[in-house]
N, C-alpha and C. Protein backbone atom coordinates (compact mmCIF):
# COMPACT_ATOMS: atom_id res chain seq x y z
N MET A 1 -28.38 255.91 -68.66
CA MET A 1 -27.01 255.11 -68.07
C MET A 1 -26.03 255.74 -67.76
N PHE A 2 -25.68 255.86 -66.61
CA PHE A 2 -24.48 256.69 -66.32
C PHE A 2 -23.30 255.79 -66.35
N PRO A 3 -22.31 256.31 -67.03
CA PRO A 3 -21.04 255.41 -67.39
C PRO A 3 -20.13 255.36 -65.97
N ILE A 4 -19.78 254.08 -65.56
CA ILE A 4 -18.99 253.90 -64.39
C ILE A 4 -17.62 254.71 -64.64
N ALA A 5 -17.01 254.72 -65.45
CA ALA A 5 -15.81 255.38 -65.86
C ALA A 5 -15.80 256.89 -65.20
N LEU A 6 -17.01 257.35 -65.32
CA LEU A 6 -16.99 258.70 -65.04
C LEU A 6 -17.08 258.98 -63.52
N ILE A 7 -17.28 258.20 -62.49
CA ILE A 7 -17.38 258.07 -61.34
C ILE A 7 -16.33 258.69 -60.45
N PRO A 8 -15.22 258.49 -60.85
CA PRO A 8 -13.92 259.15 -60.07
C PRO A 8 -13.99 260.84 -60.51
N ALA A 9 -14.44 261.05 -61.83
CA ALA A 9 -14.42 262.53 -62.13
C ALA A 9 -15.58 263.22 -61.33
N LEU A 10 -16.62 262.71 -61.38
CA LEU A 10 -17.80 263.08 -60.38
C LEU A 10 -17.50 263.20 -58.97
N LEU A 11 -16.77 262.39 -58.42
CA LEU A 11 -16.18 262.56 -57.07
C LEU A 11 -15.37 263.65 -56.93
N GLY A 12 -14.22 263.86 -57.75
CA GLY A 12 -13.46 264.61 -58.08
C GLY A 12 -13.90 266.30 -57.87
N PHE A 13 -15.26 266.35 -58.85
CA PHE A 13 -15.84 267.36 -58.86
C PHE A 13 -16.53 267.84 -57.64
N ALA A 14 -17.12 266.89 -57.11
CA ALA A 14 -17.77 267.17 -55.73
C ALA A 14 -16.93 267.46 -54.88
N PHE A 15 -15.78 267.04 -54.66
CA PHE A 15 -14.88 267.25 -53.57
C PHE A 15 -14.24 268.62 -53.81
N ILE A 16 -13.99 268.88 -54.97
CA ILE A 16 -13.50 270.48 -55.14
C ILE A 16 -14.75 271.45 -55.15
N SER A 17 -15.72 271.26 -55.84
CA SER A 17 -16.66 272.37 -55.82
C SER A 17 -17.38 272.70 -54.44
N ARG A 18 -17.76 271.22 -53.73
CA ARG A 18 -18.43 271.82 -52.76
C ARG A 18 -17.47 271.79 -51.21
N PHE A 19 -16.44 270.80 -51.17
CA PHE A 19 -15.76 270.64 -49.92
C PHE A 19 -15.09 271.75 -49.58
N LEU A 20 -14.33 271.87 -50.84
CA LEU A 20 -13.29 273.13 -50.79
C LEU A 20 -13.80 274.49 -50.66
N ASN A 21 -14.91 274.67 -51.28
CA ASN A 21 -15.76 275.91 -51.18
C ASN A 21 -16.27 276.10 -49.86
N VAL A 22 -16.89 275.20 -49.09
CA VAL A 22 -17.38 275.55 -47.86
C VAL A 22 -16.36 275.58 -46.90
N PHE A 23 -15.23 274.74 -47.09
CA PHE A 23 -14.01 274.82 -46.00
C PHE A 23 -13.31 276.08 -46.34
N SER A 24 -13.37 276.82 -47.76
CA SER A 24 -12.48 278.07 -47.46
C SER A 24 -13.53 279.13 -47.02
N PHE A 25 -14.78 278.79 -47.20
CA PHE A 25 -15.67 279.85 -46.65
C PHE A 25 -15.63 279.99 -44.96
N TYR A 26 -15.39 278.95 -44.42
CA TYR A 26 -15.43 278.97 -43.05
C TYR A 26 -14.14 279.32 -42.26
N GLU A 27 -13.14 279.04 -43.12
CA GLU A 27 -11.82 279.48 -42.98
C GLU A 27 -11.59 281.20 -43.02
N ALA A 28 -12.22 281.61 -43.98
CA ALA A 28 -12.40 283.01 -44.31
C ALA A 28 -13.18 283.83 -42.97
N LEU A 29 -14.15 283.10 -42.70
CA LEU A 29 -14.92 283.37 -41.54
C LEU A 29 -14.12 283.56 -40.17
N ASP A 30 -13.24 282.67 -40.16
CA ASP A 30 -12.27 282.63 -39.01
C ASP A 30 -11.53 283.84 -39.04
N ARG A 31 -10.78 284.14 -40.18
CA ARG A 31 -9.86 285.10 -40.06
C ARG A 31 -10.21 286.60 -40.66
N LEU A 32 -11.44 286.81 -41.34
CA LEU A 32 -11.62 287.99 -41.59
C LEU A 32 -13.08 288.31 -40.80
N PRO A 33 -13.21 289.66 -40.84
CA PRO A 33 -14.61 290.15 -40.50
C PRO A 33 -15.70 289.68 -41.02
N VAL A 34 -16.89 289.31 -40.38
CA VAL A 34 -18.08 288.79 -41.06
C VAL A 34 -18.57 289.87 -42.27
N THR A 35 -18.37 291.12 -41.80
CA THR A 35 -19.01 292.16 -42.99
C THR A 35 -18.00 292.10 -44.30
N SER A 36 -16.77 291.91 -43.71
CA SER A 36 -16.20 291.90 -45.36
C SER A 36 -16.44 290.57 -46.18
N VAL A 37 -16.45 289.55 -45.24
CA VAL A 37 -16.88 288.13 -45.91
C VAL A 37 -18.11 288.19 -46.79
N SER A 38 -19.33 289.02 -46.02
CA SER A 38 -20.43 288.79 -46.60
C SER A 38 -20.62 289.89 -47.54
N LEU A 39 -19.81 291.00 -47.79
CA LEU A 39 -19.67 291.68 -49.12
C LEU A 39 -19.16 291.25 -50.19
N LEU A 40 -17.93 290.11 -49.95
CA LEU A 40 -17.50 289.46 -51.22
C LEU A 40 -18.13 288.40 -51.58
N CYS A 41 -19.07 287.89 -50.74
CA CYS A 41 -19.88 286.49 -51.34
C CYS A 41 -20.77 287.06 -52.15
N ASN A 42 -21.36 288.39 -52.26
CA ASN A 42 -22.09 288.95 -53.36
C ASN A 42 -21.28 288.82 -54.87
N LEU A 43 -19.90 288.91 -54.68
CA LEU A 43 -19.15 288.86 -55.68
C LEU A 43 -19.11 287.63 -56.59
N THR A 44 -19.58 286.42 -55.96
CA THR A 44 -19.25 285.17 -56.50
C THR A 44 -20.04 285.10 -57.71
N SER A 45 -21.45 285.71 -57.71
CA SER A 45 -22.25 285.43 -58.71
C SER A 45 -21.41 285.90 -60.16
N ILE A 46 -20.74 287.35 -59.79
CA ILE A 46 -20.01 287.99 -61.22
C ILE A 46 -18.93 286.92 -61.69
N VAL A 47 -18.15 286.46 -60.66
CA VAL A 47 -17.13 285.32 -60.81
C VAL A 47 -17.77 284.27 -61.69
N SER A 48 -18.94 283.81 -61.14
CA SER A 48 -19.21 282.42 -61.85
C SER A 48 -19.62 282.58 -63.30
N ILE A 49 -20.09 283.91 -63.68
CA ILE A 49 -20.40 284.24 -64.93
C ILE A 49 -19.53 284.20 -65.87
N ILE A 50 -18.21 285.11 -65.18
CA ILE A 50 -17.08 285.03 -66.32
C ILE A 50 -16.42 283.65 -66.28
N PHE A 51 -16.23 283.13 -65.25
CA PHE A 51 -15.78 281.77 -65.29
C PHE A 51 -16.56 280.73 -66.33
N ALA A 52 -17.69 281.02 -66.37
CA ALA A 52 -18.59 279.97 -67.53
C ALA A 52 -18.46 280.79 -68.90
N HIS A 53 -18.04 281.98 -69.16
CA HIS A 53 -17.94 282.45 -70.32
C HIS A 53 -16.42 281.94 -70.83
N PHE A 54 -15.49 282.02 -69.87
CA PHE A 54 -14.18 281.65 -70.49
C PHE A 54 -13.89 279.97 -70.56
N TYR A 55 -14.34 279.45 -69.34
CA TYR A 55 -14.41 277.91 -69.39
C TYR A 55 -14.97 277.20 -70.17
N VAL A 56 -16.31 277.70 -70.26
CA VAL A 56 -17.56 276.56 -70.83
C VAL A 56 -17.97 277.15 -72.00
N GLY A 57 -17.64 278.70 -72.41
CA GLY A 57 -18.06 279.28 -73.59
C GLY A 57 -19.37 279.67 -73.65
N GLU A 58 -19.98 279.91 -72.47
CA GLU A 58 -21.30 280.51 -72.31
C GLU A 58 -21.22 282.01 -72.70
N PRO A 59 -22.28 282.49 -73.79
CA PRO A 59 -22.21 283.95 -74.04
C PRO A 59 -22.64 284.72 -72.83
N ILE A 60 -21.95 285.95 -72.76
CA ILE A 60 -22.62 286.77 -71.72
C ILE A 60 -23.43 287.99 -72.47
N GLU A 61 -24.72 287.85 -72.03
CA GLU A 61 -25.85 288.77 -72.43
C GLU A 61 -26.06 290.06 -71.80
N GLY A 62 -26.84 290.74 -72.36
CA GLY A 62 -27.18 292.06 -71.57
C GLY A 62 -27.83 291.88 -70.39
N PHE A 63 -28.67 291.07 -70.19
CA PHE A 63 -29.07 291.09 -68.84
C PHE A 63 -28.10 290.45 -67.60
N HIS A 64 -27.08 289.97 -68.02
CA HIS A 64 -26.02 289.43 -67.44
C HIS A 64 -25.11 290.54 -66.74
N LEU A 65 -24.89 291.62 -67.92
CA LEU A 65 -24.24 292.76 -67.46
C LEU A 65 -24.96 293.80 -66.81
N VAL A 66 -26.42 293.80 -67.03
CA VAL A 66 -27.03 294.49 -66.04
C VAL A 66 -27.18 293.96 -64.42
N GLY A 67 -27.41 292.65 -64.35
CA GLY A 67 -27.36 291.91 -63.05
C GLY A 67 -26.04 292.14 -62.55
N GLY A 68 -24.97 292.01 -63.16
CA GLY A 68 -23.67 292.35 -62.49
C GLY A 68 -23.38 293.57 -62.05
N GLY A 69 -23.97 294.58 -63.02
CA GLY A 69 -23.70 296.02 -62.53
C GLY A 69 -24.84 296.25 -61.24
N LEU A 70 -25.89 295.64 -61.00
CA LEU A 70 -26.70 295.77 -59.67
C LEU A 70 -26.07 295.23 -58.68
N ILE A 71 -25.29 294.04 -58.78
CA ILE A 71 -24.68 293.42 -57.96
C ILE A 71 -23.46 294.61 -57.12
N LEU A 72 -22.99 294.80 -58.15
CA LEU A 72 -21.58 295.63 -57.99
C LEU A 72 -22.08 296.97 -57.19
N GLY A 73 -23.33 297.49 -57.67
CA GLY A 73 -23.66 298.73 -57.27
C GLY A 73 -24.20 298.53 -55.83
N GLY A 74 -24.95 297.58 -55.41
CA GLY A 74 -25.30 297.11 -54.24
C GLY A 74 -24.18 296.93 -53.25
N THR A 75 -23.16 296.68 -53.67
CA THR A 75 -22.06 295.76 -52.81
C THR A 75 -21.17 297.39 -52.55
N ILE A 76 -21.11 298.06 -53.57
CA ILE A 76 -20.49 299.26 -53.12
C ILE A 76 -21.34 300.32 -52.30
N LEU A 77 -22.27 300.27 -52.35
CA LEU A 77 -23.49 301.15 -51.58
C LEU A 77 -23.46 300.41 -50.17
N LEU A 78 -23.19 299.26 -50.01
CA LEU A 78 -23.06 298.76 -48.79
C LEU A 78 -21.91 299.13 -47.98
């Protein structure tokens, strides 16, 4: 049973996480070259791991570090 009192928080989260994310992405595409935007989109996975570590308290495991290193290496190679 979902508490009715949490519906405004759920709607606020949906607005912030989805609408602003998509809106910012398309605004970046309008202003920046597609090659720059596509390279920086790969880094969102690394930022999300760091955000989860500091905000939610998720531990950063060894496979996170290896995956982040591979993402950074691939971005640098591109």
